[in-house]
């Protein structure tokens, strides 16, 4: 697996990440190779525009069926919103990876 040189988020999450309200992301196996301590530039999915840097704190396997209110709060959304979004991005995928991160101040 090639090490990731950046991580992307939808533009709609930029303000939540910059304010510290969004502290996790749920990804598929293709992005599970991140390691705690790794620092990455964050870019928008839509345009590849850099907007901050993060440090990976933990990467943990998590089943879609195990998503709960705590995960939703860390994503700054409700549990139904989170399940709908993950279902749209990764239709039918049960095995996810929870990536916990912190914003690096500049």
N, C-alpha and C. Protein backbone atom coordinates (compact mmCIF):
# COMPACT_ATOMS: atom_id res chain seq x y z
N UNK A 1 0.84 -1.17 0.00
CA UNK A 1 0.00 0.00 0.00
C UNK A 1 0.89 1.24 0.00
N UNK A 2 0.61 2.16 -0.90
CA UNK A 2 1.38 3.40 -1.00
C UNK A 2 1.00 4.34 0.13
N UNK A 3 1.98 4.90 0.84
CA UNK A 3 1.66 5.84 1.92
C UNK A 3 0.91 7.05 1.37
N UNK A 4 -0.07 7.50 2.12
CA UNK A 4 -0.84 8.67 1.71
C UNK A 4 -0.01 9.92 1.93
N UNK A 5 -0.04 10.81 0.95
CA UNK A 5 0.70 12.06 1.08
C UNK A 5 -0.21 13.21 1.49
N UNK A 6 -1.53 12.99 1.46
CA UNK A 6 -2.52 13.96 1.93
C UNK A 6 -3.82 13.20 2.18
N UNK A 7 -4.76 13.88 2.82
CA UNK A 7 -6.08 13.31 3.04
C UNK A 7 -7.10 14.34 2.61
N UNK A 8 -8.18 13.88 1.99
CA UNK A 8 -9.18 14.82 1.51
C UNK A 8 -10.49 14.69 2.29
N UNK A 9 -11.19 15.81 2.39
CA UNK A 9 -12.50 15.89 3.00
C UNK A 9 -13.39 16.73 2.10
N UNK A 10 -14.69 16.43 2.12
CA UNK A 10 -15.63 17.28 1.40
C UNK A 10 -15.54 18.69 1.96
N UNK A 11 -15.68 19.69 1.09
CA UNK A 11 -15.60 21.10 1.50
C UNK A 11 -16.55 21.42 2.64
N UNK A 12 -17.69 20.76 2.69
CA UNK A 12 -18.68 21.08 3.72
C UNK A 12 -18.19 20.76 5.13
N UNK A 13 -17.10 19.99 5.26
CA UNK A 13 -16.54 19.66 6.57
C UNK A 13 -15.40 20.58 6.99
N UNK A 14 -14.99 21.49 6.13
CA UNK A 14 -13.83 22.35 6.42
C UNK A 14 -14.00 23.12 7.72
N UNK A 15 -15.12 23.81 7.90
CA UNK A 15 -15.31 24.63 9.11
C UNK A 15 -15.33 23.76 10.36
N UNK A 16 -15.94 22.56 10.29
CA UNK A 16 -15.99 21.67 11.45
C UNK A 16 -14.59 21.18 11.82
N UNK A 17 -13.76 20.89 10.84
CA UNK A 17 -12.38 20.44 11.11
C UNK A 17 -11.58 21.59 11.71
N UNK A 18 -11.67 22.76 11.10
CA UNK A 18 -10.89 23.91 11.58
C UNK A 18 -11.30 24.36 12.98
N UNK A 19 -12.56 24.14 13.35
CA UNK A 19 -13.04 24.54 14.68
C UNK A 19 -12.82 23.45 15.73
N UNK A 20 -12.41 22.25 15.30
CA UNK A 20 -12.21 21.15 16.23
C UNK A 20 -13.48 20.38 16.54
N UNK A 21 -14.60 20.68 15.85
CA UNK A 21 -15.85 19.95 16.09
C UNK A 21 -15.85 18.58 15.42
N UNK A 22 -15.05 18.40 14.39
CA UNK A 22 -14.93 17.10 13.71
C UNK A 22 -13.55 16.55 14.03
N UNK A 23 -13.52 15.40 14.72
CA UNK A 23 -12.24 14.85 15.20
C UNK A 23 -11.99 13.43 14.72
N UNK A 24 -12.93 12.88 13.92
CA UNK A 24 -12.73 11.56 13.33
C UNK A 24 -13.18 11.58 11.88
N UNK A 25 -12.77 10.58 11.15
CA UNK A 25 -13.31 10.33 9.83
C UNK A 25 -13.41 8.82 9.67
N UNK A 26 -14.39 8.40 8.91
CA UNK A 26 -14.60 6.97 8.64
C UNK A 26 -14.23 6.71 7.20
N UNK A 27 -13.35 5.76 6.97
CA UNK A 27 -12.85 5.49 5.64
C UNK A 27 -12.91 4.00 5.35
N UNK A 28 -12.64 3.64 4.09
CA UNK A 28 -12.59 2.22 3.72
C UNK A 28 -11.15 1.71 3.83
N UNK A 29 -10.96 0.47 3.48
CA UNK A 29 -9.65 -0.17 3.64
C UNK A 29 -8.53 0.54 2.88
N UNK A 30 -8.87 1.18 1.77
CA UNK A 30 -7.84 1.85 0.96
C UNK A 30 -7.14 2.97 1.72
N UNK A 31 -7.78 3.49 2.79
CA UNK A 31 -7.18 4.57 3.58
C UNK A 31 -6.86 4.11 5.00
N UNK A 32 -6.77 2.80 5.21
CA UNK A 32 -6.54 2.27 6.55
C UNK A 32 -5.06 2.19 6.92
N UNK A 33 -4.16 2.54 6.01
CA UNK A 33 -2.73 2.41 6.26
C UNK A 33 -2.11 3.58 6.99
N UNK A 34 -2.91 4.53 7.42
CA UNK A 34 -2.38 5.64 8.19
C UNK A 34 -1.90 5.14 9.54
N UNK A 35 -0.91 5.83 10.12
CA UNK A 35 -0.36 5.39 11.40
C UNK A 35 -0.38 6.54 12.41
N UNK A 36 -0.61 6.21 13.68
CA UNK A 36 -0.58 7.24 14.72
C UNK A 36 0.73 8.03 14.66
N UNK A 37 0.60 9.34 14.80
CA UNK A 37 1.76 10.22 14.73
C UNK A 37 1.99 10.80 13.35
N UNK A 38 1.43 10.17 12.33
CA UNK A 38 1.60 10.66 10.96
C UNK A 38 0.92 12.02 10.81
N UNK A 39 1.60 12.96 10.17
CA UNK A 39 1.06 14.29 9.92
C UNK A 39 0.78 14.43 8.44
N UNK A 40 -0.41 14.95 8.12
CA UNK A 40 -0.84 15.03 6.72
C UNK A 40 -1.45 16.38 6.41
N UNK A 41 -1.19 16.89 5.21
CA UNK A 41 -1.95 18.05 4.76
C UNK A 41 -3.38 17.60 4.43
N UNK A 42 -4.33 18.48 4.69
CA UNK A 42 -5.73 18.20 4.41
C UNK A 42 -6.16 19.08 3.24
N UNK A 43 -6.77 18.42 2.25
CA UNK A 43 -7.23 19.13 1.05
C UNK A 43 -8.71 18.86 0.84
N UNK A 44 -9.35 19.75 0.09
CA UNK A 44 -10.76 19.54 -0.23
C UNK A 44 -10.86 18.47 -1.31
N UNK A 45 -11.88 17.62 -1.17
CA UNK A 45 -12.12 16.55 -2.14
C UNK A 45 -12.45 17.15 -3.51
N UNK A 46 -13.23 18.21 -3.50
CA UNK A 46 -13.73 18.79 -4.74
C UNK A 46 -12.63 19.43 -5.59
N UNK A 47 -11.73 20.20 -4.96
CA UNK A 47 -10.75 20.96 -5.74
C UNK A 47 -9.29 20.70 -5.35
N UNK A 48 -9.07 19.89 -4.33
CA UNK A 48 -7.69 19.63 -3.92
C UNK A 48 -7.02 20.82 -3.26
N UNK A 49 -7.82 21.74 -2.70
CA UNK A 49 -7.30 22.95 -2.07
C UNK A 49 -6.90 22.63 -0.63
N UNK A 50 -5.66 22.94 -0.25
CA UNK A 50 -5.17 22.73 1.10
C UNK A 50 -5.88 23.68 2.05
N UNK A 51 -6.24 23.20 3.26
CA UNK A 51 -6.80 24.12 4.25
C UNK A 51 -6.27 23.91 5.67
N UNK A 52 -5.55 22.82 5.94
CA UNK A 52 -4.93 22.65 7.26
C UNK A 52 -4.05 21.40 7.24
N UNK A 53 -3.44 21.12 8.36
CA UNK A 53 -2.68 19.89 8.56
C UNK A 53 -3.24 19.20 9.80
N UNK A 54 -3.21 17.86 9.78
CA UNK A 54 -3.67 17.08 10.93
C UNK A 54 -2.62 16.06 11.33
N UNK A 55 -2.75 15.58 12.56
CA UNK A 55 -1.93 14.47 13.06
C UNK A 55 -2.88 13.31 13.34
N UNK A 56 -2.52 12.14 12.85
CA UNK A 56 -3.32 10.94 13.08
C UNK A 56 -3.06 10.47 14.51
N UNK A 57 -4.13 10.24 15.26
CA UNK A 57 -4.02 9.77 16.64
C UNK A 57 -4.25 8.26 16.75
N UNK A 58 -5.17 7.73 15.93
CA UNK A 58 -5.48 6.30 16.00
C UNK A 58 -6.20 5.88 14.73
N UNK A 59 -6.01 4.63 14.35
CA UNK A 59 -6.73 4.00 13.24
C UNK A 59 -7.28 2.68 13.78
N UNK A 60 -8.61 2.57 13.80
CA UNK A 60 -9.26 1.42 14.42
C UNK A 60 -10.32 0.83 13.49
N UNK A 61 -10.30 -0.48 13.28
CA UNK A 61 -11.39 -1.09 12.50
C UNK A 61 -12.73 -0.87 13.22
N UNK A 62 -13.77 -0.63 12.44
CA UNK A 62 -15.09 -0.39 13.01
C UNK A 62 -16.13 -0.85 12.00
N UNK A 63 -17.04 -1.69 12.44
CA UNK A 63 -18.11 -2.15 11.57
C UNK A 63 -19.18 -1.07 11.45
N UNK A 64 -19.78 -0.96 10.28
CA UNK A 64 -20.87 0.00 10.05
C UNK A 64 -21.95 -0.19 11.11
N UNK A 65 -22.25 -1.43 11.44
CA UNK A 65 -23.31 -1.73 12.41
C UNK A 65 -22.95 -1.28 13.83
N UNK A 66 -21.69 -0.95 14.08
CA UNK A 66 -21.25 -0.49 15.41
C UNK A 66 -21.27 1.03 15.55
N UNK A 67 -21.63 1.75 14.50
CA UNK A 67 -21.69 3.21 14.59
C UNK A 67 -22.68 3.61 15.68
N UNK A 68 -22.29 4.59 16.51
CA UNK A 68 -23.16 5.02 17.59
C UNK A 68 -23.14 6.54 17.73
N UNK A 69 -23.85 7.03 18.75
CA UNK A 69 -23.97 8.48 18.96
C UNK A 69 -22.61 9.15 19.21
N UNK A 70 -21.70 8.45 19.86
CA UNK A 70 -20.37 9.01 20.11
C UNK A 70 -19.64 9.27 18.78
N UNK A 71 -19.73 8.32 17.86
CA UNK A 71 -19.12 8.52 16.54
C UNK A 71 -19.77 9.70 15.83
N UNK A 72 -21.08 9.77 15.91
CA UNK A 72 -21.80 10.87 15.24
C UNK A 72 -21.38 12.22 15.82
N UNK A 73 -21.25 12.30 17.15
CA UNK A 73 -20.81 13.56 17.77
C UNK A 73 -19.41 13.95 17.30
N UNK A 74 -18.51 12.97 17.20
CA UNK A 74 -17.14 13.25 16.76
C UNK A 74 -17.10 13.66 15.28
N UNK A 75 -18.15 13.31 14.53
CA UNK A 75 -18.28 13.72 13.13
C UNK A 75 -19.09 15.02 13.02
N UNK A 76 -19.58 15.52 14.16
CA UNK A 76 -20.42 16.71 14.24
C UNK A 76 -21.69 16.57 13.41
N UNK A 77 -22.37 15.43 13.59
CA UNK A 77 -23.66 15.20 12.94
C UNK A 77 -24.47 14.22 13.77
N UNK A 78 -25.73 14.05 13.40
CA UNK A 78 -26.57 13.07 14.10
C UNK A 78 -26.24 11.66 13.59
N UNK A 79 -26.62 10.65 14.36
CA UNK A 79 -26.35 9.27 13.95
C UNK A 79 -27.07 8.93 12.63
N UNK A 80 -28.36 9.30 12.46
CA UNK A 80 -28.99 9.03 11.15
C UNK A 80 -28.27 9.73 9.99
N UNK A 81 -27.81 10.98 10.20
CA UNK A 81 -27.06 11.69 9.15
C UNK A 81 -25.77 10.96 8.82
N UNK A 82 -25.06 10.50 9.86
CA UNK A 82 -23.79 9.81 9.66
C UNK A 82 -24.00 8.51 8.89
N UNK A 83 -25.00 7.72 9.29
CA UNK A 83 -25.26 6.45 8.60
C UNK A 83 -25.66 6.68 7.15
N UNK A 84 -26.44 7.71 6.90
CA UNK A 84 -26.85 8.03 5.53
C UNK A 84 -25.63 8.42 4.69
N UNK A 85 -24.78 9.28 5.24
CA UNK A 85 -23.59 9.74 4.52
C UNK A 85 -22.65 8.58 4.21
N UNK A 86 -22.36 7.75 5.21
CA UNK A 86 -21.46 6.61 5.00
C UNK A 86 -22.06 5.65 3.97
N UNK A 87 -23.38 5.45 4.04
CA UNK A 87 -24.05 4.59 3.07
C UNK A 87 -23.97 5.12 1.65
N UNK A 88 -23.95 6.45 1.50
CA UNK A 88 -23.82 7.07 0.18
C UNK A 88 -22.39 6.95 -0.35
N UNK A 89 -21.42 7.16 0.53
CA UNK A 89 -20.01 7.13 0.11
C UNK A 89 -19.53 5.70 -0.11
N UNK A 90 -19.91 4.80 0.79
CA UNK A 90 -19.46 3.40 0.73
C UNK A 90 -20.67 2.47 0.74
N UNK A 91 -21.47 2.44 -0.33
CA UNK A 91 -22.68 1.62 -0.32
C UNK A 91 -22.40 0.14 -0.05
N UNK A 92 -23.12 -0.41 0.93
CA UNK A 92 -23.02 -1.82 1.24
C UNK A 92 -21.77 -2.24 2.00
N UNK A 93 -20.89 -1.31 2.33
CA UNK A 93 -19.63 -1.65 3.01
C UNK A 93 -19.87 -1.77 4.51
N UNK A 94 -19.53 -2.92 5.09
CA UNK A 94 -19.69 -3.12 6.52
C UNK A 94 -18.41 -2.77 7.28
N UNK A 95 -17.23 -3.09 6.70
CA UNK A 95 -15.96 -2.86 7.41
C UNK A 95 -15.41 -1.47 7.10
N UNK A 96 -15.40 -0.62 8.11
CA UNK A 96 -14.86 0.72 8.00
C UNK A 96 -13.62 0.84 8.88
N UNK A 97 -12.94 1.97 8.77
CA UNK A 97 -11.81 2.29 9.63
C UNK A 97 -12.04 3.67 10.21
N UNK A 98 -12.03 3.75 11.53
CA UNK A 98 -12.19 5.00 12.23
C UNK A 98 -10.81 5.63 12.38
N UNK A 99 -10.66 6.81 11.85
CA UNK A 99 -9.39 7.53 11.92
C UNK A 99 -9.61 8.75 12.82
N UNK A 100 -8.98 8.72 13.99
CA UNK A 100 -9.08 9.83 14.94
C UNK A 100 -7.89 10.75 14.68
N UNK A 101 -8.16 12.05 14.66
CA UNK A 101 -7.10 13.01 14.33
C UNK A 101 -7.23 14.27 15.16
N UNK A 102 -6.14 15.05 15.16
CA UNK A 102 -6.17 16.36 15.79
C UNK A 102 -5.63 17.38 14.80
N UNK A 103 -6.16 18.58 14.91
CA UNK A 103 -5.75 19.69 14.07
C UNK A 103 -4.39 20.19 14.55
N UNK A 104 -3.47 20.39 13.62
CA UNK A 104 -2.18 20.98 13.96
C UNK A 104 -2.28 22.48 13.82
N UNK A 105 -1.89 23.18 14.86
CA UNK A 105 -1.92 24.63 14.82
C UNK A 105 -0.61 25.13 14.25
N UNK A 106 -0.72 26.12 13.40
CA UNK A 106 0.31 26.58 12.75
C UNK A 106 1.49 27.19 12.62
